[in-house]
Amino acid sequence: MNPSSQTKPAASNYRWVICGLLFFATTFNYLDRQVISYLKEFFCRSQDAGGFGWSNTDFANLTSAFTAFYAGMTIIAGWVIDKIGTKIGLALSLTIWSIFGILNAFVGRLVMMHVLIRSAFGVGEAGNFPASIKTVAEWFPKRERALATGIFNSGSNFGAMIAALLVPWCMIHFGDERGWKMAFIITGAAGFLWLIFWFWLYEIPARQKRLSKAEFDYIHIDDESAGDPPADDKAKKISWGKLFNYRQTWAFFFGKFLTDGVWWFYLFWLPDYLIKQFGMTKHDVMLPTFIVYGIAIVGSVYGGSIPMTFIKHGMPVYKARMTAMFIIALFPLTVLSTQYFGNIGEFGKMAAILAVATICVGAAAHQAWSANLFTTVSDMFPKKAVGSVTGIGAMAGGIGGVIVQKIAGALTDHFKATPQTAYLIMFIICALSYLIAWSVMKALVPKHKPITDL
């Protein structure tokens, strides 16, 4: 069932239906996650003005706590998903994060209560990417995995785009006092619709009756070893300690640790930057943030297709992946010019447009990078270990995200009178992270060597 002679995609395309399900799961994941970034202005408004009276550090503590629990749980979630399978694993994850997303509407103004609920919310969200990456490894040949990952990963941008419109609308339509609650309730409840389609349409390839034999064969065309058996959704126990013995694990670990924080920064602090840098209102930030995440979708999908071009010209998969990632890592350097172009005194009304344009490039590059970075796991590890290794990397990315959130909160409080300085420092971090990460990954795994002893 794995003929090496087959080089063209099978006529049926049910694997792309599965990719669509992952896209919408990730959409709801980021829709729910993104709510708090658009509520920051309300949370940090003085109580006399009707807000919660939080400081920037309070908000950073909230996002950091969520990120920390998300990070800590991803390593466990990945292991659990490798044990119980992707179908139940992803459904359970979405159910947990949706419930706690709704509960966030009922905790009042105390920072600690929001921290507790948002941390539990992060526990649920931790399962999305380990389950999705494992699903891609099960449903796609290696040559298509970066593209499939890029497509489903673009759901993170689509979810953020919806949040950019929905949350400010809730605040305007329902008023501040009810609006922040409705934002949590609506976004949290929406995810349950996805469960209907997931249980109706999803099953692993070996048990999927809608899948043709030709497409099944194509999915497994370039499995490299006995470590990639396609027969079952569950795996034998894999030791985390053993996984940490591989340089490949550490390459993915540092790739995530050094770059995930950039995306967390864009997600949670972009509205605040637009308000402080250009004096925008909560209504004004809707369009530019919508555009940033819309452009990032293009980066995610196109970035995932770049290695396919190299592979079609005869380049080995891992070399194609790393070459694509190096090219992608150059584009965030554009973000170094964000504060130069964001100078209203120099560029007037065009300053906001130019600054947002540079952030668009950085966000699109991150998503292109992420699509390929995730796929390196299934390039190097057998399918039965993909969930666990992805969980380890996601944990590392979450740790990096916590550090970035704390830095952003400390800087914006320290440079309260001149927030432009705080954001200049943050954009320098965002610009340089990818080249540093690529260099570390290349040093750890200079040449591809598939792991066959797990």
Protein backbone atom coordinates (compact mmCIF):
# COMPACT_ATOMS: atom_id res chain seq x y z
CA MET A 1 0.00 0.00 0.00
CA ASN A 2 3.00 2.28 -0.38
CA PRO A 3 4.19 2.16 -3.98
CA SER A 4 7.26 4.28 -4.45
CA SER A 5 6.51 4.69 -8.11
CA GLN A 6 3.49 6.88 -7.50
CA THR A 7 4.57 10.52 -7.83
CA LYS A 8 1.34 12.37 -8.65
CA PRO A 9 -1.42 13.18 -6.15
CA ALA A 10 -4.33 10.77 -6.04
CA ALA A 11 -7.53 11.79 -7.83
CA SER A 12 -9.52 11.99 -4.58
CA ASN A 13 -8.76 14.80 -2.14
CA TYR A 14 -10.39 13.88 1.13
CA ARG A 15 -7.19 14.80 2.98
CA TRP A 16 -7.97 18.44 2.23
CA VAL A 17 -11.34 18.10 3.95
CA ILE A 18 -9.39 17.08 7.04
CA CYS A 19 -7.12 20.10 6.55
CA GLY A 20 -10.26 22.26 6.44
CA LEU A 21 -11.41 20.86 9.78
CA LEU A 22 -8.02 21.70 11.30
CA PHE A 23 -8.25 25.20 9.81
CA PHE A 24 -11.53 25.91 11.59
CA ALA A 25 -10.33 24.35 14.86
CA THR A 26 -7.36 26.73 14.78
CA THR A 27 -9.69 29.60 13.84
CA PHE A 28 -11.75 29.06 16.99
CA ASN A 29 -8.55 28.54 18.99
CA TYR A 30 -7.24 31.98 18.08
CA LEU A 31 -10.63 33.71 18.07
CA ASP A 32 -11.04 32.76 21.73
CA ARG A 33 -7.40 33.53 22.53
CA GLN A 34 -7.43 36.96 20.91
CA VAL A 35 -10.37 38.40 22.86
CA ILE A 36 -8.26 39.79 25.70
CA SER A 37 -5.97 41.85 23.45
CA TYR A 38 -8.96 43.93 22.31
CA LEU A 39 -10.17 44.30 25.89
CA LYS A 40 -6.84 45.64 27.17
CA GLU A 41 -7.87 49.27 26.78
CA PHE A 42 -10.98 48.61 28.90
CA PHE A 43 -9.12 46.52 31.47
CA CYS A 44 -6.41 49.18 31.87
CA ARG A 45 -8.77 52.15 31.91
CA SER A 46 -9.13 53.81 35.32
CA GLN A 47 -12.08 52.78 37.46
CA ASP A 48 -13.24 56.38 37.55
CA ALA A 49 -13.57 56.19 33.76
CA GLY A 50 -15.50 52.92 33.97
CA GLY A 51 -12.65 50.45 33.43
CA PHE A 52 -10.97 47.86 35.63
CA GLY A 53 -8.01 50.07 36.58
CA TRP A 54 -5.34 47.52 35.72
CA SER A 55 -1.72 48.45 34.98
CA ASN A 56 0.20 47.30 31.91
CA THR A 57 2.03 44.89 34.19
CA ASP A 58 -1.31 43.46 35.39
CA PHE A 59 -2.27 42.79 31.79
CA ALA A 60 1.16 41.29 31.09
CA ASN A 61 0.73 39.04 34.14
CA LEU A 62 -2.60 37.83 32.72
CA THR A 63 -1.21 37.03 29.28
CA SER A 64 1.92 35.53 30.84
CA ALA A 65 -0.10 33.25 33.10
CA PHE A 66 -2.14 32.04 30.16
CA THR A 67 1.01 31.51 28.11
CA ALA A 68 2.75 29.71 30.98
CA PHE A 69 -0.09 27.25 31.51
CA TYR A 70 -0.41 26.80 27.77
CA ALA A 71 3.31 26.06 27.59
CA GLY A 72 3.34 23.73 30.56
CA MET A 73 0.39 21.73 29.30
CA THR A 74 1.44 21.34 25.67
CA ILE A 75 4.10 18.78 26.55
CA ILE A 76 1.49 16.78 28.47
CA ALA A 77 -1.16 17.34 25.80
CA GLY A 78 1.18 16.07 23.09
CA TRP A 79 1.89 12.90 25.06
CA VAL A 80 -1.82 12.38 25.81
CA ILE A 81 -2.76 12.83 22.15
CA ASP A 82 -0.13 10.30 21.10
CA LYS A 83 -1.83 7.91 23.56
CA ILE A 84 -5.57 8.55 22.99
CA GLY A 85 -5.45 9.61 19.34
CA THR A 86 -6.20 12.77 17.43
CA LYS A 87 -9.97 12.39 17.15
CA ILE A 88 -10.74 12.39 20.87
CA GLY A 89 -7.69 14.47 21.77
CA LEU A 90 -8.58 17.51 19.68
CA ALA A 91 -12.28 17.32 20.57
CA LEU A 92 -11.46 17.22 24.28
CA SER A 93 -9.06 20.13 23.92
CA LEU A 94 -11.62 22.33 22.16
CA THR A 95 -14.33 21.48 24.67
CA ILE A 96 -12.15 22.52 27.63
CA TRP A 97 -10.99 25.81 26.13
CA SER A 98 -14.52 26.74 24.99
CA ILE A 99 -16.01 26.14 28.45
CA PHE A 100 -13.39 28.23 30.21
CA GLY A 101 -13.57 30.88 27.49
CA ILE A 102 -17.25 31.33 28.38
CA LEU A 103 -16.55 31.26 32.11
CA ASN A 104 -14.15 34.19 31.66
CA ALA A 105 -17.25 36.40 31.35
CA PHE A 106 -18.30 35.73 34.95
CA VAL A 107 -15.21 36.59 37.02
CA GLY A 108 -15.56 40.34 37.58
CA ARG A 109 -12.67 42.77 37.61
CA LEU A 110 -10.12 41.08 39.89
CA VAL A 111 -6.87 40.33 38.08
CA MET A 112 -6.31 37.07 39.95
CA MET A 113 -9.70 35.66 38.98
CA HIS A 114 -8.99 36.38 35.33
CA VAL A 115 -5.56 34.79 35.73
CA LEU A 116 -7.08 31.61 37.18
CA ILE A 117 -9.75 31.20 34.50
CA ARG A 118 -7.43 32.17 31.66
CA SER A 119 -4.86 29.67 32.91
CA ALA A 120 -7.46 26.88 32.77
CA PHE A 121 -8.39 28.14 29.31
CA GLY A 122 -4.72 27.74 28.33
CA VAL A 123 -4.78 24.12 29.52
CA GLY A 124 -7.48 23.39 26.93
CA GLU A 125 -5.85 25.33 24.13
CA ALA A 126 -2.60 23.41 24.62
CA GLY A 127 -3.91 20.42 22.68
CA ASN A 128 -4.70 22.16 19.40
CA PHE A 129 -1.30 22.22 17.72
CA PRO A 130 0.04 18.83 18.90
CA ALA A 131 -3.18 17.22 17.65
CA SER A 132 -3.23 19.19 14.39
CA ILE A 133 0.42 18.53 13.51
CA LYS A 134 -0.04 14.83 14.28
CA THR A 135 -3.15 14.81 12.08
CA VAL A 136 -1.20 16.36 9.21
CA ALA A 137 1.51 13.71 9.64
CA GLU A 138 -1.16 11.01 9.45
CA TRP A 139 -3.03 12.47 6.50
CA PHE A 140 -0.37 13.99 4.20
CA PRO A 141 2.85 12.85 2.53
CA LYS A 142 5.93 14.77 3.59
CA ARG A 143 6.01 16.82 0.40
CA GLU A 144 2.61 18.33 1.20
CA ARG A 145 2.86 18.70 4.98
CA ALA A 146 4.23 22.24 5.07
CA LEU A 147 1.47 23.41 2.72
CA ALA A 148 -1.21 21.62 4.75
CA THR A 149 0.27 23.06 7.95
CA GLY A 150 0.37 26.51 6.37
CA ILE A 151 -3.30 26.24 5.44
CA PHE A 152 -4.56 25.08 8.81
CA ASN A 153 -2.17 27.41 10.63
CA SER A 154 -3.66 30.34 8.69
CA GLY A 155 -6.75 29.72 10.80
CA SER A 156 -4.88 31.52 13.58
CA ASN A 157 -4.93 34.65 11.44
CA PHE A 158 -8.53 34.15 10.36
CA GLY A 159 -9.55 33.81 14.00
CA ALA A 160 -7.63 36.96 14.89
CA MET A 161 -9.30 38.80 11.99
CA ILE A 162 -12.75 37.83 13.26
CA ALA A 163 -11.78 38.92 16.77
CA ALA A 164 -10.57 42.26 15.41
CA LEU A 165 -14.10 42.95 14.20
CA LEU A 166 -16.22 41.06 16.73
CA VAL A 167 -14.75 42.20 20.06
CA PRO A 168 -14.78 45.96 19.34
CA TRP A 169 -18.30 45.50 17.94
CA CYS A 170 -19.40 43.85 21.18
CA MET A 171 -17.96 46.73 23.20
CA ILE A 172 -19.71 49.30 21.01
CA HIS A 173 -23.02 47.46 20.56
CA PHE A 174 -23.54 46.17 24.11
CA GLY A 175 -21.61 48.89 25.93
CA ASP A 176 -18.47 48.40 27.97
CA GLU A 177 -20.12 46.82 30.99
CA ARG A 178 -21.87 44.04 29.03
CA GLY A 179 -19.68 44.09 25.94
CA TRP A 180 -16.59 42.46 27.44
CA LYS A 181 -18.75 39.66 28.85
CA MET A 182 -20.55 39.04 25.56
CA ALA A 183 -17.20 38.91 23.74
CA PHE A 184 -16.14 35.95 25.90
CA ILE A 185 -19.53 34.21 25.71
CA ILE A 186 -20.00 34.48 21.94
CA THR A 187 -16.48 33.42 21.02
CA GLY A 188 -16.44 30.57 23.55
CA ALA A 189 -19.79 29.16 22.44
CA ALA A 190 -18.93 29.24 18.72
CA GLY A 191 -16.42 26.41 18.98
CA PHE A 192 -19.04 23.83 19.88
CA LEU A 193 -20.40 24.00 16.33
CA TRP A 194 -17.09 22.62 15.09
CA LEU A 195 -17.48 19.46 17.18
CA ILE A 196 -20.47 18.36 15.09
CA PHE A 197 -18.45 18.35 11.88
CA TRP A 198 -15.37 16.84 13.53
CA PHE A 199 -17.18 13.74 14.76
CA TRP A 200 -19.11 13.46 11.51
CA LEU A 201 -16.17 13.76 9.08
CA TYR A 202 -12.98 12.74 10.89
CA GLU A 203 -11.34 9.36 11.28
CA ILE A 204 -7.71 8.26 10.81
CA PRO A 205 -6.85 7.15 7.24
CA ALA A 206 -6.75 3.44 8.09
CA ARG A 207 -10.38 3.60 9.30
CA GLN A 208 -11.78 6.34 7.04
CA LYS A 209 -14.40 4.83 4.70
CA ARG A 210 -14.57 7.98 2.56
CA LEU A 211 -10.87 7.62 1.61
CA SER A 212 -9.97 5.90 -1.64
CA LYS A 213 -7.16 3.32 -1.80
CA ALA A 214 -5.28 5.48 -4.31
CA GLU A 215 -5.30 8.45 -1.95
CA PHE A 216 -4.37 6.23 0.99
CA ASP A 217 -1.34 4.99 -0.97
CA TYR A 218 -0.38 8.54 -1.92
CA ILE A 219 -0.56 9.70 1.71
CA HIS A 220 2.04 7.06 2.66
CA ILE A 221 4.20 7.38 -0.46
CA ASP A 222 7.32 8.65 1.30
CA ASP A 223 7.12 7.03 4.73
CA GLU A 224 10.74 6.21 5.46
CA SER A 225 10.78 3.49 8.04
CA ALA A 226 9.05 0.94 10.14
CA GLY A 227 8.74 3.74 12.66
CA ASP A 228 5.87 5.06 10.53
CA PRO A 229 3.20 2.36 10.65
CA PRO A 230 -0.10 3.68 9.28
CA ALA A 231 -2.34 1.11 10.91
CA ASP A 232 -3.42 2.76 14.17
CA ASP A 233 -4.15 6.14 15.75
CA LYS A 234 -2.53 5.28 19.05
CA ALA A 235 1.10 4.66 19.85
CA LYS A 236 3.13 2.67 22.29
CA LYS A 237 4.54 4.61 25.19
CA ILE A 238 7.40 6.91 24.24
CA SER A 239 9.76 8.19 26.92
CA TRP A 240 10.10 11.97 27.10
CA GLY A 241 13.57 11.43 28.47
CA LYS A 242 14.52 9.53 25.35
CA LEU A 243 13.12 12.26 23.09
CA PHE A 244 15.36 14.82 24.80
CA ASN A 245 18.38 12.73 23.82
CA TYR A 246 17.90 13.69 20.17
CA ARG A 247 19.44 16.85 18.72
CA GLN A 248 16.38 17.03 16.47
CA THR A 249 14.17 17.58 19.52
CA TRP A 250 16.39 20.41 20.71
CA ALA A 251 16.43 21.98 17.24
CA PHE A 252 12.63 22.18 17.27
CA PHE A 253 12.71 23.30 20.93
CA PHE A 254 14.93 26.30 20.22
CA GLY A 255 13.19 27.10 16.95
CA LYS A 256 9.95 27.53 18.89
CA PHE A 257 11.49 29.12 22.00
CA LEU A 258 13.19 31.90 20.04
CA THR A 259 10.31 32.81 17.71
CA ASP A 260 6.90 31.99 19.22
CA GLY A 261 7.09 34.97 21.56
CA VAL A 262 7.06 37.28 18.55
CA TRP A 263 3.62 36.03 17.55
CA TRP A 264 2.35 36.30 21.13
CA PHE A 265 3.55 39.91 21.09
CA TYR A 266 1.68 40.68 17.87
CA LEU A 267 -1.45 38.99 19.19
CA PHE A 268 -1.64 40.64 22.59
CA TRP A 269 0.10 43.99 22.11
CA LEU A 270 -0.65 45.17 18.56
CA PRO A 271 -3.88 46.99 19.51
CA ASP A 272 -2.08 48.67 22.42
CA TYR A 273 0.74 49.75 20.10
CA LEU A 274 -1.69 51.32 17.62
CA ILE A 275 -3.50 53.18 20.39
CA LYS A 276 -0.35 54.55 22.02
CA GLN A 277 1.70 55.21 18.88
CA PHE A 278 -1.02 56.80 16.75
CA GLY A 279 -3.78 57.73 19.20
CA MET A 280 -6.26 55.27 17.67
CA THR A 281 -9.53 54.41 19.38
CA LYS A 282 -10.85 50.89 19.93
CA HIS A 283 -12.90 51.40 16.76
CA ASP A 284 -9.89 52.64 14.78
CA VAL A 285 -7.77 49.56 15.52
CA MET A 286 -10.26 47.21 13.87
CA LEU A 287 -9.16 47.79 10.27
CA PRO A 288 -5.34 47.75 10.67
CA THR A 289 -5.34 44.65 12.85
CA PHE A 290 -7.75 42.98 10.43
CA ILE A 291 -5.34 43.76 7.59
CA VAL A 292 -2.27 42.50 9.49
CA TYR A 293 -3.83 39.11 10.14
CA GLY A 294 -5.28 38.95 6.62
CA ILE A 295 -1.83 39.44 5.10
CA ALA A 296 -0.45 36.86 7.53
CA ILE A 297 -2.80 34.27 5.98
CA VAL A 298 -1.03 34.78 2.66
CA GLY A 299 2.32 34.28 4.38
CA SER A 300 1.16 31.09 6.07
CA VAL A 301 -0.17 29.44 2.91
CA TYR A 302 2.53 30.67 0.52
CA GLY A 303 5.31 29.97 3.02
CA GLY A 304 4.09 26.40 3.31
CA SER A 305 4.30 25.97 -0.46
CA ILE A 306 7.91 27.19 -0.85
CA PRO A 307 9.59 23.85 0.03
CA MET A 308 7.38 22.05 -2.52
CA THR A 309 8.95 24.17 -5.26
CA PHE A 310 12.44 23.15 -4.15
CA ILE A 311 11.43 19.49 -3.76
CA LYS A 312 9.97 19.42 -7.29
CA HIS A 313 13.39 20.55 -8.55
CA GLY A 314 15.09 17.61 -6.86
CA MET A 315 16.14 19.09 -3.52
CA PRO A 316 15.88 16.70 -0.51
CA VAL A 317 13.00 17.43 1.84
CA TYR A 318 14.99 18.62 4.86
CA LYS A 319 17.31 20.79 2.79
CA ALA A 320 14.29 22.29 1.02
CA ARG A 321 12.67 23.02 4.38
CA MET A 322 15.74 24.69 5.88
CA THR A 323 16.43 26.69 2.72
CA ALA A 324 12.87 27.99 2.76
CA MET A 325 13.14 28.86 6.45
CA PHE A 326 16.37 30.81 5.90
CA ILE A 327 14.77 32.88 3.14
CA ILE A 328 11.72 33.48 5.32
CA ALA A 329 13.91 34.49 8.30
CA LEU A 330 15.24 37.46 6.30
CA PHE A 331 11.84 39.14 5.91
CA PRO A 332 11.25 40.03 9.60
CA LEU A 333 14.26 42.35 9.37
CA THR A 334 11.75 44.75 7.80
CA VAL A 335 10.29 45.24 11.28
CA LEU A 336 13.47 47.09 12.29
CA SER A 337 12.09 50.08 10.37
CA THR A 338 8.64 50.10 12.03
CA GLN A 339 9.32 52.96 14.43
CA TYR A 340 11.15 54.96 11.76
CA PHE A 341 8.11 54.82 9.49
CA GLY A 342 5.79 55.24 12.48
CA ASN A 343 7.13 58.75 13.16
CA ILE A 344 4.11 61.01 12.73
CA GLY A 345 6.30 64.11 12.69
CA GLU A 346 8.18 62.76 9.68
CA PHE A 347 5.46 60.96 7.71
CA GLY A 348 2.24 62.53 8.97
CA LYS A 349 -0.94 60.57 8.20
CA MET A 350 1.08 58.02 6.24
CA ALA A 351 3.02 57.00 9.37
CA ALA A 352 0.39 54.55 10.61
CA ILE A 353 -0.01 53.00 7.15
CA LEU A 354 3.73 52.54 6.71
CA ALA A 355 4.25 51.13 10.22
CA VAL A 356 1.37 48.69 9.81
CA ALA A 357 2.84 47.65 6.44
CA THR A 358 6.13 46.63 8.08
CA ILE A 359 4.24 44.71 10.77
CA CYS A 360 2.28 42.95 8.01
CA VAL A 361 5.56 41.71 6.56
CA GLY A 362 6.72 40.51 9.97
CA ALA A 363 3.43 38.75 10.74
CA ALA A 364 3.31 37.07 7.33
CA ALA A 365 6.91 35.94 7.71
CA HIS A 366 6.19 34.49 11.14
CA GLN A 367 3.33 32.41 9.81
CA ALA A 368 5.41 31.19 6.87
CA TRP A 369 8.20 30.30 9.32
CA SER A 370 5.76 28.55 11.65
CA ALA A 371 4.24 26.41 8.87
CA ASN A 372 7.69 25.07 8.00
CA LEU A 373 8.98 24.83 11.57
CA PHE A 374 6.08 22.62 12.65
CA THR A 375 6.66 20.37 9.65
CA THR A 376 10.27 19.70 10.59
CA VAL A 377 8.91 17.44 13.37
CA SER A 378 7.19 15.05 10.97
CA ASP A 379 10.23 15.27 8.67
CA MET A 380 12.51 13.95 11.42
CA PHE A 381 10.35 11.83 13.74
CA PRO A 382 8.05 8.84 13.17
CA LYS A 383 4.33 9.62 13.31
CA LYS A 384 3.86 7.97 16.70
CA ALA A 385 6.18 10.57 18.28
CA VAL A 386 4.92 13.67 16.46
CA GLY A 387 2.39 14.71 19.13
CA SER A 388 4.93 14.40 21.94
CA VAL A 389 7.69 16.29 20.14
CA THR A 390 5.26 18.99 19.01
CA GLY A 391 4.15 19.34 22.63
CA ILE A 392 7.75 19.76 23.77
CA GLY A 393 8.32 22.47 21.17
CA ALA A 394 5.04 24.20 21.95
CA MET A 395 6.06 24.24 25.60
CA ALA A 396 9.33 25.90 24.61
CA GLY A 397 7.44 28.42 22.48
CA GLY A 398 5.15 29.16 25.41
CA ILE A 399 8.12 29.78 27.70
CA GLY A 400 9.49 32.18 25.12
CA GLY A 401 6.06 33.78 24.94
CA VAL A 402 5.98 34.31 28.71
CA ILE A 403 9.37 36.02 28.59
CA VAL A 404 8.28 38.29 25.74
CA GLN A 405 5.00 39.22 27.52
CA LYS A 406 6.88 40.12 30.70
CA ILE A 407 9.40 42.18 28.76
CA ALA A 408 6.62 44.02 26.93
CA GLY A 409 4.75 44.76 30.16
CA ALA A 410 7.89 45.95 31.97
CA LEU A 411 9.01 48.13 29.07
CA THR A 412 5.62 49.78 28.50
CA ASP A 413 5.37 50.59 32.22
CA HIS A 414 8.99 51.80 32.43
CA PHE A 415 8.64 53.99 29.33
CA LYS A 416 5.09 55.05 30.11
CA ALA A 417 5.75 58.63 28.98
CA THR A 418 7.50 57.49 25.80
CA PRO A 419 5.93 54.19 24.71
CA GLN A 420 7.63 54.59 21.31
CA THR A 421 10.91 53.62 22.99
CA ALA A 422 9.40 50.52 24.54
CA TYR A 423 8.02 49.38 21.22
CA LEU A 424 11.28 50.14 19.40
CA ILE A 425 13.04 47.65 21.68
CA MET A 426 10.28 45.09 21.14
CA PHE A 427 10.44 45.41 17.35
CA ILE A 428 14.21 44.86 17.40
CA ILE A 429 13.61 41.59 19.27
CA CYS A 430 10.93 40.62 16.75
CA ALA A 431 13.18 41.33 13.79
CA LEU A 432 16.24 39.36 14.84
CA SER A 433 14.69 36.28 16.46
CA TYR A 434 14.28 34.21 13.30
CA LEU A 435 17.83 34.36 11.98
CA ILE A 436 19.12 33.47 15.45
CA ALA A 437 16.69 30.56 15.65
CA TRP A 438 17.62 29.29 12.18
CA SER A 439 21.33 29.39 13.04
CA VAL A 440 20.77 27.38 16.23
CA MET A 441 18.65 24.80 14.40
CA LYS A 442 21.17 24.41 11.61
CA ALA A 443 24.00 23.99 14.09
CA LEU A 444 22.10 21.25 15.93
CA VAL A 445 20.93 19.36 12.82
CA PRO A 446 23.17 20.25 9.88
CA LYS A 447 21.95 17.28 7.82
CA HIS A 448 18.74 15.30 7.82
CA LYS A 449 18.84 11.92 9.51
CA PRO A 450 15.45 10.24 10.09
CA ILE A 451 14.93 8.74 13.55
CA THR A 452 14.10 5.03 13.39
CA ASP A 453 14.81 3.74 16.91
CA LEU A 454 11.72 4.94 18.78
